[in-house]
């Protein structure tokens, strides 16, 4: 058995041994994996357009959108106590954040390596 309670990779699991729904049986496992190599497009947040609604943050399936205590003042003078940024280590480039943003403050741009 693997230390986390699942079989080590060296043993193939039978269909009866695979967790229901293909779930991952230990929490926090995505923090162990760098997902950045999957991306073709990456999200870029325009802080001036962002209204801090948290929709991108709540819809991101990989928790790659981070809420940070960094004040921001828009070009029109509006002050926000926090900002949102993308942690590209965990972002797979799915585009859900850009699709769900009600003010289109997130653009998907080509990934440059």
N, C-alpha and C. Protein backbone atom coordinates (compact mmCIF):
# COMPACT_ATOMS: atom_id res chain seq x y z
N UNK A 1 0.84 -1.20 0.00
CA UNK A 1 0.00 0.00 0.00
C UNK A 1 0.87 1.24 0.00
N UNK A 2 0.39 2.25 -0.69
CA UNK A 2 1.02 3.58 -0.70
C UNK A 2 0.80 4.22 0.66
N UNK A 3 1.72 5.11 1.11
CA UNK A 3 1.55 5.72 2.43
C UNK A 3 0.23 6.47 2.61
N UNK A 4 -0.38 6.90 1.54
CA UNK A 4 -1.63 7.64 1.66
C UNK A 4 -2.85 6.73 1.56
N UNK A 5 -2.63 5.46 1.48
CA UNK A 5 -3.75 4.54 1.49
C UNK A 5 -4.18 4.05 0.13
N UNK A 6 -3.47 4.40 -0.94
CA UNK A 6 -3.80 3.90 -2.27
C UNK A 6 -2.65 3.01 -2.73
N UNK A 7 -2.90 2.21 -3.71
CA UNK A 7 -1.86 1.30 -4.20
C UNK A 7 -0.74 2.07 -4.86
N UNK A 8 0.45 1.62 -4.71
CA UNK A 8 1.61 2.22 -5.38
C UNK A 8 1.43 2.07 -6.88
N UNK A 9 2.09 2.91 -7.62
CA UNK A 9 1.95 2.94 -9.08
C UNK A 9 2.38 1.62 -9.71
N UNK A 10 3.27 0.89 -9.07
CA UNK A 10 3.78 -0.35 -9.65
C UNK A 10 2.73 -1.45 -9.77
N UNK A 11 1.61 -1.33 -9.07
CA UNK A 11 0.55 -2.34 -9.13
C UNK A 11 -0.65 -1.77 -9.88
N UNK A 12 -1.08 -2.46 -10.93
CA UNK A 12 -2.28 -2.04 -11.65
C UNK A 12 -3.50 -2.38 -10.81
N UNK A 13 -4.42 -1.45 -10.74
CA UNK A 13 -5.64 -1.66 -9.97
C UNK A 13 -6.69 -2.36 -10.82
N UNK A 14 -7.43 -3.25 -10.19
CA UNK A 14 -8.57 -3.85 -10.88
C UNK A 14 -9.72 -2.85 -10.83
N UNK A 15 -10.74 -3.08 -11.58
CA UNK A 15 -11.87 -2.16 -11.58
C UNK A 15 -12.54 -2.09 -10.21
N UNK A 16 -12.42 -3.14 -9.42
CA UNK A 16 -13.01 -3.14 -8.08
C UNK A 16 -12.19 -2.32 -7.07
N UNK A 17 -10.93 -2.08 -7.38
CA UNK A 17 -10.04 -1.35 -6.46
C UNK A 17 -9.99 0.15 -6.74
N UNK A 18 -10.43 0.57 -7.90
CA UNK A 18 -10.39 1.99 -8.25
C UNK A 18 -11.45 2.73 -7.45
N UNK A 19 -11.10 3.87 -6.83
CA UNK A 19 -12.08 4.63 -6.05
C UNK A 19 -13.28 5.06 -6.91
N UNK A 20 -14.45 5.08 -6.31
CA UNK A 20 -15.66 5.47 -7.03
C UNK A 20 -15.50 6.84 -7.67
N UNK A 21 -15.96 6.97 -8.90
CA UNK A 21 -15.91 8.24 -9.61
C UNK A 21 -14.50 8.69 -9.96
N UNK A 22 -13.52 7.83 -9.80
CA UNK A 22 -12.15 8.21 -10.09
C UNK A 22 -11.62 9.27 -9.14
N UNK A 23 -12.25 9.38 -7.97
CA UNK A 23 -11.83 10.42 -7.02
C UNK A 23 -10.42 10.16 -6.51
N UNK A 24 -9.77 11.23 -6.09
CA UNK A 24 -8.44 11.13 -5.50
C UNK A 24 -8.64 11.00 -3.99
N UNK A 25 -8.19 9.92 -3.40
CA UNK A 25 -8.50 9.66 -2.00
C UNK A 25 -7.70 10.44 -0.96
N UNK A 26 -6.75 11.28 -1.37
CA UNK A 26 -6.05 12.09 -0.37
C UNK A 26 -6.18 13.56 -0.74
N UNK A 27 -6.47 14.41 0.24
CA UNK A 27 -6.68 15.84 -0.03
C UNK A 27 -5.38 16.57 -0.33
N UNK A 28 -5.49 17.65 -1.10
CA UNK A 28 -4.34 18.50 -1.36
C UNK A 28 -3.37 17.97 -2.38
N UNK A 29 -3.75 16.93 -3.11
CA UNK A 29 -2.80 16.31 -4.04
C UNK A 29 -2.43 17.21 -5.21
N UNK A 30 -3.29 18.14 -5.59
CA UNK A 30 -2.96 19.00 -6.73
C UNK A 30 -1.80 19.93 -6.42
N UNK A 31 -1.55 20.20 -5.15
CA UNK A 31 -0.41 21.03 -4.78
C UNK A 31 0.91 20.33 -5.09
N UNK A 32 0.86 19.02 -5.27
CA UNK A 32 2.06 18.25 -5.56
C UNK A 32 2.42 18.27 -7.05
N UNK A 33 1.50 18.72 -7.90
CA UNK A 33 1.69 18.62 -9.34
C UNK A 33 1.78 19.98 -10.02
N UNK A 34 2.74 20.11 -10.92
CA UNK A 34 2.89 21.31 -11.73
C UNK A 34 2.08 21.10 -13.00
N UNK A 35 1.01 21.87 -13.18
CA UNK A 35 0.11 21.70 -14.32
C UNK A 35 0.43 22.64 -15.48
N UNK A 36 1.43 23.47 -15.33
CA UNK A 36 1.68 24.52 -16.32
C UNK A 36 2.03 23.99 -17.71
N UNK A 37 2.55 22.79 -17.81
CA UNK A 37 2.93 22.27 -19.13
C UNK A 37 1.72 21.89 -19.97
N UNK A 38 0.54 21.83 -19.39
CA UNK A 38 -0.67 21.48 -20.13
C UNK A 38 -1.19 22.62 -20.98
N UNK A 39 -0.85 23.85 -20.61
CA UNK A 39 -1.47 25.04 -21.20
C UNK A 39 -1.04 25.33 -22.63
N UNK A 40 -2.01 25.77 -23.41
CA UNK A 40 -1.75 26.36 -24.72
C UNK A 40 -2.08 27.85 -24.63
N UNK A 41 -3.13 28.16 -23.87
CA UNK A 41 -3.52 29.54 -23.59
C UNK A 41 -3.45 29.78 -22.09
N UNK A 42 -3.16 31.01 -21.70
CA UNK A 42 -3.12 31.33 -20.28
C UNK A 42 -3.96 32.56 -20.01
N UNK A 43 -4.61 32.61 -18.85
CA UNK A 43 -5.44 33.77 -18.52
C UNK A 43 -4.60 34.92 -17.99
N UNK A 44 -4.97 36.12 -18.41
CA UNK A 44 -4.34 37.34 -17.90
C UNK A 44 -5.47 38.23 -17.39
N UNK A 45 -5.36 38.67 -16.14
CA UNK A 45 -6.40 39.48 -15.52
C UNK A 45 -6.06 40.96 -15.69
N UNK A 46 -6.98 41.71 -16.25
CA UNK A 46 -6.85 43.17 -16.35
C UNK A 46 -7.39 43.75 -15.05
N UNK A 47 -6.50 44.14 -14.17
CA UNK A 47 -6.89 44.64 -12.85
C UNK A 47 -7.75 45.90 -12.94
N UNK A 48 -7.59 46.67 -14.00
CA UNK A 48 -8.40 47.88 -14.18
C UNK A 48 -9.87 47.55 -14.46
N UNK A 49 -10.10 46.47 -15.20
CA UNK A 49 -11.48 46.07 -15.53
C UNK A 49 -12.12 45.22 -14.44
N UNK A 50 -11.30 44.52 -13.66
CA UNK A 50 -11.80 43.58 -12.65
C UNK A 50 -12.63 44.30 -11.59
N UNK A 51 -13.83 43.75 -11.30
CA UNK A 51 -14.71 44.35 -10.29
C UNK A 51 -14.69 43.57 -8.97
N UNK A 52 -13.80 42.63 -8.85
CA UNK A 52 -13.60 41.84 -7.62
C UNK A 52 -14.85 41.07 -7.20
N UNK A 53 -15.52 40.50 -8.17
CA UNK A 53 -16.77 39.76 -7.90
C UNK A 53 -16.51 38.33 -7.41
N UNK A 54 -15.31 37.84 -7.56
CA UNK A 54 -14.89 36.50 -7.14
C UNK A 54 -15.45 35.37 -7.99
N UNK A 55 -16.07 35.67 -9.09
CA UNK A 55 -16.63 34.60 -9.91
C UNK A 55 -15.51 33.74 -10.49
N UNK A 56 -14.45 34.36 -10.97
CA UNK A 56 -13.33 33.57 -11.52
C UNK A 56 -12.73 32.68 -10.43
N UNK A 57 -12.59 33.23 -9.26
CA UNK A 57 -12.03 32.51 -8.11
C UNK A 57 -12.89 31.30 -7.75
N UNK A 58 -14.20 31.50 -7.77
CA UNK A 58 -15.09 30.40 -7.37
C UNK A 58 -15.26 29.34 -8.45
N UNK A 59 -15.13 29.71 -9.71
CA UNK A 59 -15.31 28.74 -10.80
C UNK A 59 -14.04 27.97 -11.17
N UNK A 60 -12.88 28.48 -10.80
CA UNK A 60 -11.62 27.83 -11.20
C UNK A 60 -11.56 26.42 -10.61
N UNK A 61 -11.49 25.39 -11.47
CA UNK A 61 -11.49 24.02 -10.98
C UNK A 61 -10.18 23.61 -10.30
N UNK A 62 -9.14 24.41 -10.46
CA UNK A 62 -7.84 24.05 -9.91
C UNK A 62 -7.33 25.01 -8.84
N UNK A 63 -8.19 25.92 -8.40
CA UNK A 63 -7.81 26.92 -7.39
C UNK A 63 -6.56 27.68 -7.81
N UNK A 64 -6.46 27.97 -9.10
CA UNK A 64 -5.31 28.71 -9.62
C UNK A 64 -5.50 30.22 -9.50
N UNK A 65 -6.72 30.68 -9.30
CA UNK A 65 -6.98 32.10 -9.08
C UNK A 65 -6.81 32.37 -7.59
N UNK A 66 -5.93 33.29 -7.26
CA UNK A 66 -5.66 33.59 -5.86
C UNK A 66 -6.13 35.00 -5.52
N UNK A 67 -6.76 35.11 -4.36
CA UNK A 67 -7.15 36.41 -3.83
C UNK A 67 -6.01 36.88 -2.92
N UNK A 68 -5.46 38.04 -3.23
CA UNK A 68 -4.31 38.54 -2.47
C UNK A 68 -4.61 39.90 -1.88
N UNK A 69 -4.05 40.15 -0.72
CA UNK A 69 -4.24 41.45 -0.05
C UNK A 69 -3.26 42.48 -0.62
N UNK A 70 -3.49 42.83 -1.87
CA UNK A 70 -2.70 43.85 -2.55
C UNK A 70 -3.67 44.92 -3.03
N UNK A 71 -3.67 46.08 -2.38
CA UNK A 71 -4.56 47.15 -2.81
C UNK A 71 -4.29 47.55 -4.26
N UNK A 72 -5.34 47.97 -4.93
CA UNK A 72 -5.21 48.39 -6.33
C UNK A 72 -6.09 49.62 -6.56
N UNK A 73 -5.55 50.61 -7.26
CA UNK A 73 -6.31 51.80 -7.63
C UNK A 73 -6.40 51.80 -9.16
N UNK A 74 -7.62 51.81 -9.67
CA UNK A 74 -7.83 51.79 -11.12
C UNK A 74 -7.44 53.14 -11.72
N UNK A 75 -7.38 53.19 -13.04
CA UNK A 75 -7.03 54.43 -13.73
C UNK A 75 -8.09 55.51 -13.52
N UNK A 76 -9.30 55.11 -13.13
CA UNK A 76 -10.37 56.08 -12.84
C UNK A 76 -10.41 56.48 -11.37
N UNK A 77 -9.51 55.92 -10.56
CA UNK A 77 -9.42 56.28 -9.15
C UNK A 77 -10.17 55.38 -8.19
N UNK A 78 -10.80 54.34 -8.68
CA UNK A 78 -11.51 53.41 -7.80
C UNK A 78 -10.49 52.58 -7.02
N UNK A 79 -10.70 52.47 -5.70
CA UNK A 79 -9.77 51.74 -4.84
C UNK A 79 -10.35 50.40 -4.42
N UNK A 80 -9.52 49.39 -4.53
CA UNK A 80 -9.89 48.04 -4.09
C UNK A 80 -8.87 47.57 -3.06
N UNK A 81 -9.30 46.93 -1.98
CA UNK A 81 -8.36 46.47 -0.95
C UNK A 81 -7.64 45.17 -1.33
N UNK A 82 -8.12 44.47 -2.34
CA UNK A 82 -7.50 43.21 -2.73
C UNK A 82 -7.48 43.07 -4.24
N UNK A 83 -6.68 42.15 -4.68
CA UNK A 83 -6.54 41.87 -6.11
C UNK A 83 -6.62 40.37 -6.33
N UNK A 84 -6.71 39.99 -7.56
CA UNK A 84 -6.73 38.58 -7.94
C UNK A 84 -5.60 38.34 -8.92
N UNK A 85 -4.95 37.20 -8.77
CA UNK A 85 -3.87 36.85 -9.70
C UNK A 85 -3.96 35.36 -10.00
N UNK A 86 -3.30 34.98 -11.06
CA UNK A 86 -3.30 33.58 -11.49
C UNK A 86 -1.99 32.95 -11.04
N UNK A 87 -2.09 31.82 -10.36
CA UNK A 87 -0.91 31.04 -10.03
C UNK A 87 -0.73 30.07 -11.20
N UNK A 88 0.19 30.41 -12.09
CA UNK A 88 0.36 29.64 -13.32
C UNK A 88 0.92 28.24 -13.09
N UNK A 89 1.41 27.95 -11.92
CA UNK A 89 1.87 26.59 -11.62
C UNK A 89 0.69 25.61 -11.65
N UNK A 90 -0.48 26.06 -11.24
CA UNK A 90 -1.64 25.18 -11.15
C UNK A 90 -2.66 25.40 -12.26
N UNK A 91 -2.51 26.45 -13.02
CA UNK A 91 -3.46 26.75 -14.11
C UNK A 91 -3.22 25.83 -15.30
N UNK A 92 -4.31 25.19 -15.75
CA UNK A 92 -4.23 24.30 -16.91
C UNK A 92 -4.63 25.02 -18.20
N UNK A 93 -5.10 26.26 -18.08
CA UNK A 93 -5.47 27.02 -19.26
C UNK A 93 -6.83 26.65 -19.82
N UNK A 94 -7.74 26.21 -18.97
CA UNK A 94 -9.06 25.76 -19.44
C UNK A 94 -9.93 26.92 -19.93
N UNK A 95 -9.72 28.13 -19.41
CA UNK A 95 -10.49 29.29 -19.85
C UNK A 95 -11.82 29.49 -19.16
N UNK A 96 -12.13 28.68 -18.17
CA UNK A 96 -13.40 28.84 -17.46
C UNK A 96 -13.47 30.22 -16.82
N UNK A 97 -12.37 30.68 -16.23
CA UNK A 97 -12.36 32.00 -15.58
C UNK A 97 -12.71 33.10 -16.57
N UNK A 98 -12.11 33.07 -17.75
CA UNK A 98 -12.37 34.09 -18.77
C UNK A 98 -13.80 34.01 -19.28
N UNK A 99 -14.31 32.80 -19.42
CA UNK A 99 -15.68 32.61 -19.89
C UNK A 99 -16.71 33.11 -18.89
N UNK A 100 -16.44 32.94 -17.60
CA UNK A 100 -17.40 33.30 -16.57
C UNK A 100 -17.30 34.76 -16.12
N UNK A 101 -16.21 35.44 -16.42
CA UNK A 101 -16.03 36.83 -15.97
C UNK A 101 -17.12 37.72 -16.57
N UNK A 102 -17.95 38.36 -15.72
CA UNK A 102 -19.07 39.15 -16.24
C UNK A 102 -18.64 40.45 -16.93
N UNK A 103 -17.42 40.92 -16.66
CA UNK A 103 -16.96 42.17 -17.29
C UNK A 103 -15.83 41.94 -18.29
N UNK A 104 -15.56 40.68 -18.58
CA UNK A 104 -14.52 40.28 -19.54
C UNK A 104 -13.16 40.89 -19.19
N UNK A 105 -12.81 40.81 -17.89
CA UNK A 105 -11.53 41.33 -17.42
C UNK A 105 -10.41 40.30 -17.57
N UNK A 106 -10.76 39.10 -18.00
CA UNK A 106 -9.75 38.05 -18.17
C UNK A 106 -9.70 37.66 -19.64
N UNK A 107 -8.51 37.74 -20.18
CA UNK A 107 -8.28 37.37 -21.59
C UNK A 107 -7.38 36.15 -21.62
N UNK A 108 -7.68 35.25 -22.53
CA UNK A 108 -6.83 34.09 -22.76
C UNK A 108 -5.84 34.45 -23.86
N UNK A 109 -4.57 34.36 -23.53
CA UNK A 109 -3.50 34.72 -24.48
C UNK A 109 -2.64 33.49 -24.73
N UNK A 110 -1.98 33.43 -25.89
CA UNK A 110 -1.13 32.27 -26.17
C UNK A 110 -0.01 32.12 -25.14
N UNK A 111 0.23 30.89 -24.77
CA UNK A 111 1.32 30.58 -23.83
C UNK A 111 2.64 30.70 -24.59
N UNK A 112 3.58 31.38 -24.01
CA UNK A 112 4.90 31.53 -24.60
C UNK A 112 5.89 30.78 -23.72
N UNK A 113 6.63 29.88 -24.31
CA UNK A 113 7.60 29.10 -23.54
C UNK A 113 9.00 29.44 -24.00
